[in-house]
Amino acid sequence: MSNKGLLDIKMEQYRLLQEKKKMQEKLPHLYSWKWYSWARKFFESKNRINLLCAANQISKSSTQIRKCIHWATSPSLWPELWSTRPRQFWYLYPSKDVIASEFKKKWEPEFMPRDDMMTHPNYGWRLKNRQGIPHEIEFNTGVSVYLKAYSQDVMHLQSGTVHAIFTDEELLESLYSELMFRLAASEGYFHMVFTATIGQDFWRRAVERIGCRDETLKGAFKQQVSMYDCMQYEDGTSGPWTEKKINVIKNSCKSEAEVLRRVHGRFVLDSGLKYPCYNRNNNMVEPHKIPSDWHIYTGVDIGSGGAKGHPSAICFVAVRPDYKKGVVFKGWKGGRDKVTTASDVLETYRVLRGGMKPVMQCYDHHAVDFKTYSSRLGETFVKAEKGQEIGEDIINVLFKNEMLDIFDIEELQDLSNELTSLTKETAKRFAKDDFIDSMRYAITRIPWDWSAITDALFSEKKKKEPELTEVQKRRKQFFEGDYEREEQLRVEEEIENYNELFAY
């Protein structure tokens, strides 16, 4: 090849490099950043629901921002994604302060189109503020991305059709249900990238129980990413995370639980759970027919509902005639979409109860109006046991000894979620425990037969201790005292402790 030919090739390569550099500068969301293999998969996913649970500081939020901008500026993609022209996306952050910080430090300097692309028919955009906070990114394609704070105003979002929602950090399950309604008309797309700092059971089962019976959101696109997945880019080059750097992060974590969550992207609660004895696998069962001779107890927690109030809740508990086994088989929890009055809750309760004849109906006696309304209708309700500590102890003992089950049905999933996420550190006014309260009102009025625990203790002891020969028994008596008498006294003492605990 002649020198001129080689020169032409070099010039063309130089031109392409210059063009690539310009595109990296002008469209950074597409060209300025290398891809991790997991990030590329999330970016290209066209699943209706997309979940990315990951460690801290590995660009999970950046990946979602890039996808949001890409979908908003690429009309060629739209016919494949929607049957109608998209007009509105929502990008949700925990608070307005986070919105201001993220747009200033991440969206604008790192990912938004710039230079002459600011006036491009597709990539051009304008920012609109509201009270000094970025509120709307209006793209020339006609799509507007609204930046919203779900901790403050998501319950008040009444708007037109939304075609895509992007959520940063772990969303409360109740808010997820609200948001999915906004996407129903457009058959839109939901995205969430998060580190499991709250550790809600709904999201844990979605991400960590794939293929299991209790998996939620089956069929969704799901990824769980650790820092170790960011040691190499998809092109084979080294990423920013190294063994040494990861070890520094691990050594700075205050506990192994924090390492699992922040380094490995796992679901872990390192704060003390209020109901640690509840285990979904052991205590949640397939629904079955309640025998006609079982006794029914009910509990009603009367809340005001609405955006600022605690929701109301109702629980139905069936107990075997020997009072050694019970099951929560029916329930209801109000939403945040409307305010509920004591009269509304009573009407809902009567509908749910139907022809059942409970042995006892318990209510939160702070709700004076509820008692008034129920008395007028000839309903007999008794005051619930309001003691938090005794109720907490009873619930834990029942679950620990598998004396209480919960039906694995849709209407009781929120009860399970509360039990698996409520911590001792949570102040009562902020606690998501309304369903638990209604259950607690019912079960603290049930005269449980705690001898079931005694039977279990003896049974467990027999399993652990092999049968002693007569010679072994005499030797044991000689060296350690009367073994059988000592064991009997131990069990009797434990029974006495339980009786004192549950005497109310």
Protein backbone atom coordinates (compact mmCIF):
# COMPACT_ATOMS: atom_id res chain seq x y z
CA MET A 1 0.00 0.00 0.00
CA SER A 2 1.29 3.44 -0.87
CA ASN A 3 2.20 6.04 1.70
CA LYS A 4 -0.81 8.07 0.59
CA GLY A 5 -3.14 5.12 1.23
CA LEU A 6 -1.75 4.61 4.73
CA LEU A 7 -2.10 8.32 5.41
CA ASP A 8 -5.75 8.27 4.30
CA ILE A 9 -6.47 5.36 6.68
CA LYS A 10 -4.77 7.18 9.55
CA MET A 11 -6.73 10.34 8.79
CA GLU A 12 -10.03 8.44 8.76
CA GLN A 13 -9.20 6.77 12.06
CA TYR A 14 -8.35 10.14 13.52
CA ARG A 15 -11.63 11.60 12.24
CA LEU A 16 -13.61 8.75 13.81
CA LEU A 17 -11.80 9.20 17.10
CA GLN A 18 -12.53 12.91 17.04
CA GLU A 19 -16.19 12.20 16.25
CA LYS A 20 -16.36 9.66 19.07
CA LYS A 21 -14.82 12.16 21.47
CA LYS A 22 -17.38 14.78 20.47
CA MET A 23 -20.24 12.35 20.98
CA GLN A 24 -18.85 11.37 24.40
CA GLU A 25 -18.85 15.02 25.37
CA LYS A 26 -22.26 15.83 23.89
CA LEU A 27 -24.19 12.64 24.79
CA PRO A 28 -22.51 11.36 27.95
CA HIS A 29 -25.47 9.15 28.92
CA LEU A 30 -24.68 6.98 25.87
CA TYR A 31 -20.98 7.32 25.19
CA SER A 32 -18.99 8.65 28.15
CA TRP A 33 -19.12 5.66 30.47
CA LYS A 34 -18.02 2.07 30.24
CA TRP A 35 -20.56 -0.66 30.90
CA TYR A 36 -20.59 -3.36 33.50
CA SER A 37 -22.26 -6.46 32.10
CA TRP A 38 -25.03 -6.26 34.72
CA ALA A 39 -25.59 -2.56 33.99
CA ARG A 40 -25.94 -3.21 30.26
CA LYS A 41 -28.61 -5.86 30.97
CA PHE A 42 -30.61 -3.48 33.16
CA PHE A 43 -30.25 -0.68 30.60
CA GLU A 44 -31.53 -2.87 27.76
CA SER A 45 -34.30 -4.65 29.66
CA LYS A 46 -37.81 -4.09 28.30
CA ASN A 47 -39.54 -6.03 31.07
CA ARG A 48 -42.57 -4.30 32.61
CA ILE A 49 -40.98 -4.50 36.08
CA ASN A 50 -37.24 -4.06 36.62
CA LEU A 51 -35.53 -4.47 40.00
CA LEU A 52 -31.85 -3.89 40.74
CA CYS A 53 -30.81 -4.60 44.33
CA ALA A 54 -27.17 -3.75 44.76
CA ALA A 55 -24.31 -2.70 47.00
CA ASN A 56 -23.56 0.96 47.69
CA GLN A 57 -21.67 3.21 45.30
CA ILE A 58 -21.45 0.92 42.27
CA SER A 59 -23.35 3.17 39.78
CA LYS A 60 -26.78 1.54 40.08
CA SER A 61 -28.46 4.97 40.21
CA SER A 62 -26.32 6.21 37.32
CA THR A 63 -27.39 3.26 35.20
CA GLN A 64 -31.06 4.02 35.81
CA ILE A 65 -30.64 7.73 35.06
CA ARG A 66 -28.98 6.84 31.74
CA LYS A 67 -31.87 4.55 30.87
CA CYS A 68 -34.44 7.20 31.72
CA ILE A 69 -32.75 9.80 29.48
CA HIS A 70 -32.33 7.22 26.70
CA TRP A 71 -36.00 6.26 26.66
CA ALA A 72 -37.10 9.90 26.79
CA THR A 73 -34.89 10.90 23.81
CA SER A 74 -35.29 7.87 21.51
CA PRO A 75 -38.57 7.98 19.56
CA SER A 76 -37.36 5.02 17.49
CA LEU A 77 -37.79 2.81 20.57
CA TRP A 78 -41.32 3.91 21.41
CA PRO A 79 -43.38 1.75 19.02
CA GLU A 80 -41.81 -1.35 20.58
CA LEU A 81 -42.41 -0.14 24.13
CA TRP A 82 -45.86 1.44 24.02
CA SER A 83 -49.01 1.47 21.95
CA THR A 84 -49.45 5.21 22.60
CA ARG A 85 -47.00 8.08 22.38
CA PRO A 86 -45.28 8.63 25.75
CA ARG A 87 -45.64 12.05 27.33
CA GLN A 88 -44.76 11.64 30.96
CA PHE A 89 -42.14 9.78 33.04
CA TRP A 90 -41.71 9.97 36.79
CA TYR A 91 -38.36 9.76 38.53
CA LEU A 92 -38.82 9.32 42.27
CA TYR A 93 -36.41 10.14 45.09
CA PRO A 94 -36.89 9.88 48.87
CA SER A 95 -37.03 13.66 49.42
CA LYS A 96 -36.81 17.03 47.71
CA ASP A 97 -33.38 17.64 49.20
CA VAL A 98 -32.15 14.48 47.47
CA ILE A 99 -33.68 15.67 44.18
CA ALA A 100 -31.77 18.96 44.36
CA SER A 101 -28.50 17.22 45.23
CA GLU A 102 -28.79 14.45 42.64
CA PHE A 103 -29.64 16.78 39.75
CA LYS A 104 -26.86 19.21 40.62
CA LYS A 105 -24.16 16.59 41.21
CA LYS A 106 -25.18 13.75 38.89
CA TRP A 107 -27.84 14.39 36.24
CA GLU A 108 -26.61 17.68 34.81
CA PRO A 109 -22.79 17.38 35.00
CA GLU A 110 -22.50 13.69 34.16
CA PHE A 111 -25.39 12.51 31.98
CA MET A 112 -27.58 15.21 30.40
CA PRO A 113 -27.04 16.07 26.70
CA ARG A 114 -24.97 19.24 26.30
CA ASP A 115 -23.45 21.75 23.87
CA ASP A 116 -25.27 21.88 20.51
CA MET A 117 -27.35 18.86 21.54
CA MET A 118 -29.28 21.20 23.84
CA THR A 119 -31.28 22.29 20.78
CA HIS A 120 -31.40 18.92 19.00
CA PRO A 121 -34.93 17.70 17.99
CA ASN A 122 -34.54 14.63 20.23
CA TYR A 123 -31.82 15.42 22.77
CA GLY A 124 -32.66 19.04 23.49
CA TRP A 125 -34.09 19.79 26.92
CA ARG A 126 -35.15 22.52 29.36
CA LEU A 127 -35.30 22.38 33.14
CA LYS A 128 -38.22 23.76 35.12
CA ASN A 129 -37.88 24.43 38.84
CA ARG A 130 -40.55 24.61 41.50
CA GLN A 131 -39.69 26.59 44.64
CA GLY A 132 -36.03 26.34 43.71
CA ILE A 133 -36.09 22.53 43.33
CA PRO A 134 -35.72 20.79 39.91
CA HIS A 135 -39.22 19.61 39.05
CA GLU A 136 -39.49 18.84 35.31
CA ILE A 137 -37.06 18.00 32.53
CA GLU A 138 -38.85 18.84 29.30
CA PHE A 139 -37.27 17.11 26.28
CA ASN A 140 -37.78 18.23 22.69
CA THR A 141 -39.28 14.81 21.90
CA GLY A 142 -42.36 15.81 23.91
CA VAL A 143 -41.55 13.64 26.93
CA SER A 144 -41.38 15.29 30.34
CA VAL A 145 -39.52 13.62 33.21
CA TYR A 146 -41.00 14.78 36.53
CA LEU A 147 -38.69 14.59 39.54
CA LYS A 148 -40.80 13.78 42.59
CA ALA A 149 -40.27 13.04 46.28
CA TYR A 150 -42.17 9.90 47.26
CA SER A 151 -41.70 10.52 50.99
CA GLN A 152 -43.57 13.80 50.73
CA ASP A 153 -45.99 14.08 47.86
CA VAL A 154 -46.41 10.77 46.03
CA MET A 155 -49.77 10.15 47.70
CA HIS A 156 -51.06 13.40 46.22
CA LEU A 157 -49.98 12.65 42.67
CA GLN A 158 -53.10 12.93 40.59
CA SER A 159 -52.06 13.24 36.98
CA GLY A 160 -52.44 11.96 33.48
CA THR A 161 -51.13 8.74 32.06
CA VAL A 162 -47.59 7.84 33.09
CA HIS A 163 -45.58 5.66 30.71
CA ALA A 164 -42.54 4.89 32.89
CA ILE A 165 -41.60 5.22 36.55
CA PHE A 166 -38.04 5.12 37.88
CA THR A 167 -37.50 4.83 41.63
CA ASP A 168 -34.28 5.44 43.52
CA GLU A 169 -33.89 3.49 46.81
CA GLU A 170 -36.16 0.96 48.50
CA LEU A 171 -39.79 1.95 48.11
CA LEU A 172 -42.43 1.14 50.71
CA GLU A 173 -44.57 -1.71 49.43
CA SER A 174 -47.76 0.32 49.90
CA LEU A 175 -46.39 3.06 47.63
CA TYR A 176 -45.46 0.48 45.00
CA SER A 177 -49.11 -0.56 44.78
CA GLU A 178 -50.14 3.07 44.37
CA LEU A 179 -47.62 3.66 41.58
CA MET A 180 -48.62 0.57 39.63
CA PHE A 181 -52.11 2.04 39.28
CA ARG A 182 -50.56 5.06 37.55
CA LEU A 183 -49.00 2.73 34.96
CA ALA A 184 -52.06 0.58 34.32
CA ALA A 185 -53.62 2.64 31.52
CA SER A 186 -50.40 2.92 29.51
CA GLU A 187 -49.15 -0.60 30.28
CA GLY A 188 -46.09 1.29 31.46
CA TYR A 189 -42.79 0.26 32.99
CA PHE A 190 -41.60 0.26 36.60
CA HIS A 191 -37.93 0.45 37.60
CA MET A 192 -36.33 0.45 41.03
CA VAL A 193 -32.64 0.50 41.97
CA PHE A 194 -31.86 0.19 45.66
CA THR A 195 -29.76 -1.05 48.54
CA ALA A 196 -31.98 -2.97 50.97
CA THR A 197 -31.65 -0.55 53.88
CA ILE A 198 -35.25 -1.13 55.02
CA GLY A 199 -35.23 -4.83 54.21
CA GLN A 200 -38.95 -5.26 53.49
CA ASP A 201 -40.03 -8.86 53.09
CA PHE A 202 -41.97 -8.12 49.89
CA TRP A 203 -38.83 -7.00 48.06
CA ARG A 204 -36.69 -9.70 49.69
CA ARG A 205 -38.99 -12.40 48.32
CA ALA A 206 -38.95 -10.71 44.93
CA VAL A 207 -35.15 -10.65 44.68
CA GLU A 208 -33.88 -13.47 46.89
CA ARG A 209 -36.60 -16.11 46.51
CA ILE A 210 -36.57 -16.52 42.73
CA GLY A 211 -38.10 -19.86 41.80
CA CYS A 212 -39.53 -20.46 45.28
CA ARG A 213 -43.20 -20.76 46.17
CA ASP A 214 -43.21 -17.48 48.09
CA GLU A 215 -41.51 -15.42 45.35
CA THR A 216 -43.21 -12.11 44.63
CA LEU A 217 -43.34 -10.32 41.25
CA LYS A 218 -42.65 -13.49 39.32
CA GLY A 219 -41.48 -12.84 35.78
CA ALA A 220 -39.97 -9.45 36.55
CA PHE A 221 -36.41 -8.57 35.53
CA LYS A 222 -34.35 -8.96 38.71
CA GLN A 223 -30.68 -8.47 39.52
CA GLN A 224 -28.69 -8.61 42.74
CA VAL A 225 -25.25 -7.06 42.38
CA SER A 226 -22.26 -6.93 44.71
CA MET A 227 -19.07 -4.87 44.63
CA TYR A 228 -17.29 -7.96 43.35
CA ASP A 229 -19.42 -7.76 40.17
CA CYS A 230 -17.82 -4.36 39.48
CA MET A 231 -14.19 -5.43 39.37
CA GLN A 232 -14.28 -5.71 35.57
CA TYR A 233 -16.12 -3.96 32.74
CA GLU A 234 -17.83 -5.93 29.99
CA ASP A 235 -14.93 -5.16 27.63
CA GLY A 236 -12.52 -6.98 29.97
CA THR A 237 -10.78 -3.92 31.37
CA SER A 238 -10.43 -3.46 35.12
CA GLY A 239 -13.17 -1.64 36.98
CA PRO A 240 -12.76 0.78 39.89
CA TRP A 241 -13.33 -1.87 42.54
CA THR A 242 -10.42 -4.08 43.60
CA GLU A 243 -10.05 -6.71 46.32
CA LYS A 244 -8.05 -4.22 48.37
CA LYS A 245 -10.61 -1.46 48.01
CA ILE A 246 -13.51 -3.80 48.83
CA ASN A 247 -11.66 -5.03 51.93
CA VAL A 248 -11.27 -1.44 53.12
CA ILE A 249 -15.03 -0.98 52.82
CA LYS A 250 -15.71 -4.27 54.61
CA ASN A 251 -13.40 -3.33 57.47
CA SER A 252 -15.22 -0.03 57.89
CA CYS A 253 -18.63 -1.70 58.28
CA LYS A 254 -19.87 -1.92 61.86
CA SER A 255 -21.20 -5.49 61.55
CA GLU A 256 -21.32 -8.54 59.34
CA ALA A 257 -24.93 -7.66 58.54
CA GLU A 258 -23.80 -4.30 57.16
CA VAL A 259 -21.17 -6.06 55.02
CA LEU A 260 -23.83 -8.34 53.55
CA ARG A 261 -26.08 -5.41 52.76
CA ARG A 262 -23.64 -2.73 51.59
CA VAL A 263 -20.96 -4.88 49.94
CA HIS A 264 -22.93 -7.89 48.70
CA GLY A 265 -26.31 -6.21 48.10
CA ARG A 266 -28.17 -8.64 50.37
CA PHE A 267 -31.32 -8.23 52.45
CA VAL A 268 -30.32 -7.99 56.10
CA LEU A 269 -31.82 -6.28 59.14
CA ASP A 270 -29.14 -5.62 61.74
CA SER A 271 -31.46 -3.64 64.00
CA GLY A 272 -33.30 -5.74 66.55
CA LEU A 273 -36.55 -7.08 65.16
CA LYS A 274 -39.57 -6.78 67.39
CA TYR A 275 -40.84 -10.20 66.31
CA PRO A 276 -37.70 -12.26 65.65
CA CYS A 277 -39.53 -15.53 66.29
CA TYR A 278 -41.75 -15.08 63.25
CA ASN A 279 -40.48 -17.01 60.25
CA ARG A 280 -42.44 -16.91 57.05
CA ASN A 281 -41.34 -20.41 56.05
CA ASN A 282 -42.45 -21.90 59.38
CA ASN A 283 -45.43 -19.76 60.33
CA MET A 284 -47.17 -19.00 57.03
CA VAL A 285 -49.19 -21.92 55.69
CA GLU A 286 -51.38 -22.82 52.75
CA PRO A 287 -55.03 -21.94 53.50
CA HIS A 288 -57.22 -24.80 54.67
CA LYS A 289 -60.79 -25.24 55.81
CA ILE A 290 -61.41 -24.07 59.37
CA PRO A 291 -63.19 -26.86 61.32
CA SER A 292 -66.64 -25.89 62.54
CA ASP A 293 -65.76 -26.45 66.21
CA TRP A 294 -62.86 -23.99 66.23
CA HIS A 295 -63.41 -20.74 68.14
CA ILE A 296 -63.20 -17.36 66.39
CA TYR A 297 -61.63 -14.26 67.96
CA THR A 298 -61.38 -10.92 66.18
CA GLY A 299 -59.39 -7.72 66.63
CA VAL A 300 -60.09 -4.28 65.19
CA ASP A 301 -57.56 -1.43 65.09
CA ILE A 302 -59.35 1.78 64.18
CA GLY A 303 -57.16 4.20 62.26
CA SER A 304 -58.05 7.33 60.36
CA GLY A 305 -56.43 6.30 57.08
CA GLY A 306 -55.49 8.92 54.52
CA ALA A 307 -52.05 10.31 53.76
CA LYS A 308 -51.33 11.53 57.30
CA GLY A 309 -53.07 8.88 59.40
CA HIS A 310 -52.45 5.25 60.30
CA PRO A 311 -54.56 2.78 58.30
CA SER A 312 -57.25 0.69 59.98
CA ALA A 313 -56.89 -3.09 60.22
CA ILE A 314 -59.01 -6.13 61.09
CA CYS A 315 -57.89 -9.68 61.99
CA PHE A 316 -59.78 -12.96 62.35
CA VAL A 317 -58.12 -15.70 64.40
CA ALA A 318 -59.45 -19.28 64.67
CA VAL A 319 -58.39 -21.41 67.65
CA ARG A 320 -58.62 -25.15 68.13
CA PRO A 321 -60.96 -26.20 71.00
CA ASP A 322 -57.98 -27.30 73.11
CA TYR A 323 -56.44 -23.81 72.70
CA LYS A 324 -53.09 -25.26 71.67
CA LYS A 325 -53.18 -24.15 68.04
CA GLY A 326 -54.50 -21.10 66.21
CA VAL A 327 -54.43 -19.51 62.79
CA VAL A 328 -54.95 -16.02 61.39
CA PHE A 329 -57.23 -16.88 58.47
CA LYS A 330 -58.79 -13.61 57.39
CA GLY A 331 -57.95 -9.93 57.53
CA TRP A 332 -58.17 -6.48 56.04
CA LYS A 333 -56.00 -3.38 56.08
CA GLY A 334 -57.17 0.00 54.85
CA GLY A 335 -55.20 1.95 52.29
CA ARG A 336 -53.89 5.47 52.23
CA ASP A 337 -56.05 6.50 49.33
CA LYS A 338 -58.91 7.71 51.51
CA VAL A 339 -59.78 8.66 55.06
CA THR A 340 -61.73 6.05 57.05
CA THR A 341 -64.10 6.81 59.92
CA ALA A 342 -65.04 4.53 62.82
CA SER A 343 -68.35 3.94 61.08
CA ASP A 344 -66.57 2.91 57.86
CA VAL A 345 -64.40 0.40 59.74
CA LEU A 346 -67.41 -1.09 61.55
CA GLU A 347 -69.26 -1.54 58.26
CA THR A 348 -66.20 -3.23 56.71
CA TYR A 349 -65.88 -5.52 59.73
CA ARG A 350 -69.53 -6.62 59.56
CA VAL A 351 -69.18 -7.44 55.86
CA LEU A 352 -66.00 -9.49 56.46
CA ARG A 353 -67.50 -11.31 59.42
CA GLY A 354 -70.57 -12.37 57.50
CA GLY A 355 -72.30 -15.27 59.25
CA MET A 356 -69.40 -16.05 61.60
CA LYS A 357 -70.10 -15.91 65.33
CA PRO A 358 -66.92 -14.88 67.15
CA VAL A 359 -66.41 -15.86 70.75
CA MET A 360 -65.00 -12.39 71.38
CA GLN A 361 -64.71 -9.18 69.36
CA CYS A 362 -61.94 -6.84 70.54
CA TYR A 363 -61.30 -3.22 69.65
CA ASP A 364 -58.95 -0.36 70.40
CA HIS A 365 -60.83 1.33 73.25
CA HIS A 366 -59.25 4.69 72.45
CA ALA A 367 -61.71 4.83 69.55
CA VAL A 368 -64.76 6.00 71.49
CA ASP A 369 -66.86 6.57 68.37
CA PHE A 370 -66.40 2.97 67.30
CA LYS A 371 -67.90 1.71 70.57
CA THR A 372 -70.81 4.12 70.21
CA TYR A 373 -71.62 3.05 66.65
CA SER A 374 -71.27 -0.66 67.42
CA SER A 375 -73.50 -0.46 70.50
CA ARG A 376 -76.25 1.21 68.50
CA LEU A 377 -76.19 -1.73 66.11
CA GLY A 378 -76.27 -4.27 68.92
CA GLU A 379 -72.64 -5.32 68.41
CA THR A 380 -70.72 -6.45 71.48
CA PHE A 381 -67.05 -5.44 71.51
CA VAL A 382 -64.67 -5.71 74.46
CA LYS A 383 -61.67 -3.53 75.15
CA ALA A 384 -58.43 -4.87 73.77
CA GLU A 385 -55.39 -5.53 75.92
CA LYS A 386 -53.26 -2.50 75.04
CA GLY A 387 -50.05 -3.57 76.75
CA GLN A 388 -47.36 -3.63 74.08
CA GLU A 389 -44.86 -5.77 75.97
CA ILE A 390 -47.21 -8.59 76.92
CA GLY A 391 -48.59 -8.74 73.39
CA GLU A 392 -45.09 -8.81 71.93
CA ASP A 393 -44.07 -11.67 74.21
CA ILE A 394 -47.16 -13.74 73.49
CA ILE A 395 -46.78 -13.32 69.72
CA ASN A 396 -43.12 -14.34 69.82
CA VAL A 397 -43.78 -17.40 71.99
CA LEU A 398 -46.67 -18.51 69.78
CA PHE A 399 -44.61 -18.23 66.61
CA LYS A 400 -41.52 -19.79 68.18
CA ASN A 401 -43.46 -22.88 69.23
CA GLU A 402 -45.54 -22.95 66.01
CA MET A 403 -48.77 -22.55 67.94
CA LEU A 404 -49.93 -19.77 65.59
CA ASP A 405 -50.05 -19.81 61.79
CA ILE A 406 -50.99 -17.22 59.19
CA PHE A 407 -52.75 -18.15 55.96
CA ASP A 408 -50.58 -17.51 52.90
CA ILE A 409 -53.19 -15.42 51.09
CA GLU A 410 -53.04 -12.03 49.40
CA GLU A 411 -55.01 -10.16 52.05
CA LEU A 412 -52.57 -11.22 54.81
CA GLN A 413 -49.29 -10.50 53.02
CA ASP A 414 -49.05 -7.09 54.61
CA LEU A 415 -49.29 -8.68 58.06
CA SER A 416 -46.30 -10.86 57.23
CA ASN A 417 -44.41 -7.84 55.91
CA GLU A 418 -45.00 -5.94 59.15
CA LEU A 419 -43.80 -8.86 61.26
CA THR A 420 -40.58 -9.24 59.26
CA SER A 421 -39.66 -5.54 59.14
CA LEU A 422 -40.75 -3.90 62.41
CA THR A 423 -37.79 -3.09 64.64
CA LYS A 424 -37.64 -2.33 68.36
CA GLU A 425 -36.03 1.01 67.62
CA THR A 426 -39.03 2.29 65.65
CA ALA A 427 -41.09 4.79 67.63
CA LYS A 428 -44.77 3.82 67.91
CA ARG A 429 -46.01 6.89 66.04
CA PHE A 430 -43.86 5.93 63.05
CA ALA A 431 -44.32 2.15 63.26
CA LYS A 432 -45.98 0.24 60.44
CA ASP A 433 -47.75 -2.18 62.80
CA ASP A 434 -51.46 -1.62 62.28
CA PHE A 435 -52.12 -5.18 61.11
CA ILE A 436 -50.02 -6.52 63.99
CA ASP A 437 -52.08 -4.47 66.46
CA SER A 438 -55.37 -5.93 65.22
CA MET A 439 -53.92 -9.45 65.51
CA ARG A 440 -52.50 -8.68 68.95
CA TYR A 441 -55.91 -7.50 70.20
CA ALA A 442 -57.40 -10.87 69.29
CA ILE A 443 -54.70 -13.27 70.46
CA THR A 444 -54.12 -11.61 73.86
CA ARG A 445 -57.73 -12.42 74.74
CA ILE A 446 -57.40 -16.10 73.85
CA PRO A 447 -56.86 -18.46 76.85
CA TRP A 448 -53.97 -20.35 75.28
CA ASP A 449 -53.05 -23.72 76.77
CA TRP A 450 -49.33 -23.35 77.33
CA SER A 451 -48.92 -27.03 78.12
CA ALA A 452 -48.35 -27.40 74.39
CA ILE A 453 -44.98 -25.77 75.04
CA THR A 454 -44.32 -28.20 77.89
CA ASP A 455 -45.06 -31.17 75.65
CA ALA A 456 -42.64 -29.75 73.08
CA LEU A 457 -39.95 -29.28 75.73
CA PHE A 458 -40.24 -32.89 76.91
CA SER A 459 -40.35 -34.14 73.33
CA GLU A 460 -37.26 -32.14 72.40
CA LYS A 461 -35.44 -33.38 75.49
CA LYS A 462 -36.22 -36.97 74.63
CA LYS A 463 -34.82 -36.43 71.14
CA LYS A 464 -31.58 -34.96 72.45
CA GLU A 465 -31.02 -37.30 75.40
CA PRO A 466 -30.47 -41.02 74.66
CA GLU A 467 -32.21 -43.53 76.91
CA LEU A 468 -30.03 -44.22 79.97
CA THR A 469 -29.39 -47.71 81.33
CA GLU A 470 -30.04 -48.40 85.00
CA VAL A 471 -26.31 -48.32 85.71
CA GLN A 472 -25.99 -44.98 83.94
CA LYS A 473 -28.92 -43.56 85.90
CA ARG A 474 -27.38 -44.61 89.24
CA ARG A 475 -24.05 -43.14 88.23
CA LYS A 476 -25.72 -39.90 87.16
CA GLN A 477 -27.61 -39.68 90.48
CA PHE A 478 -24.39 -40.31 92.40
CA PHE A 479 -22.32 -37.71 90.59
CA GLU A 480 -24.93 -35.09 89.61
CA GLY A 481 -27.91 -35.64 91.89
CA ASP A 482 -31.39 -36.85 90.97
CA TYR A 483 -31.41 -36.26 87.20
CA GLU A 484 -35.11 -36.92 86.59
CA ARG A 485 -36.22 -34.78 89.54
CA GLU A 486 -33.90 -31.99 88.42
CA GLU A 487 -35.33 -32.11 84.90
CA GLN A 488 -38.90 -32.11 86.23
CA LEU A 489 -38.19 -29.07 88.38
CA ARG A 490 -36.61 -27.27 85.41
CA VAL A 491 -39.68 -27.79 83.23
CA GLU A 492 -42.05 -26.85 86.06
CA GLU A 493 -40.08 -23.65 86.60
CA GLU A 494 -40.29 -22.79 82.89
CA ILE A 495 -44.05 -23.42 82.91
CA GLU A 496 -44.41 -21.15 85.95
CA ASN A 497 -42.48 -18.42 84.14
CA TYR A 498 -44.80 -18.67 81.15
CA ASN A 499 -47.88 -18.54 83.40
CA GLU A 500 -46.57 -15.39 85.08
CA LEU A 501 -45.77 -13.85 81.73
CA PHE A 502 -49.24 -14.42 80.31
CA ALA A 503 -51.30 -13.70 83.42
CA TYR A 504 -53.26 -10.57 82.64
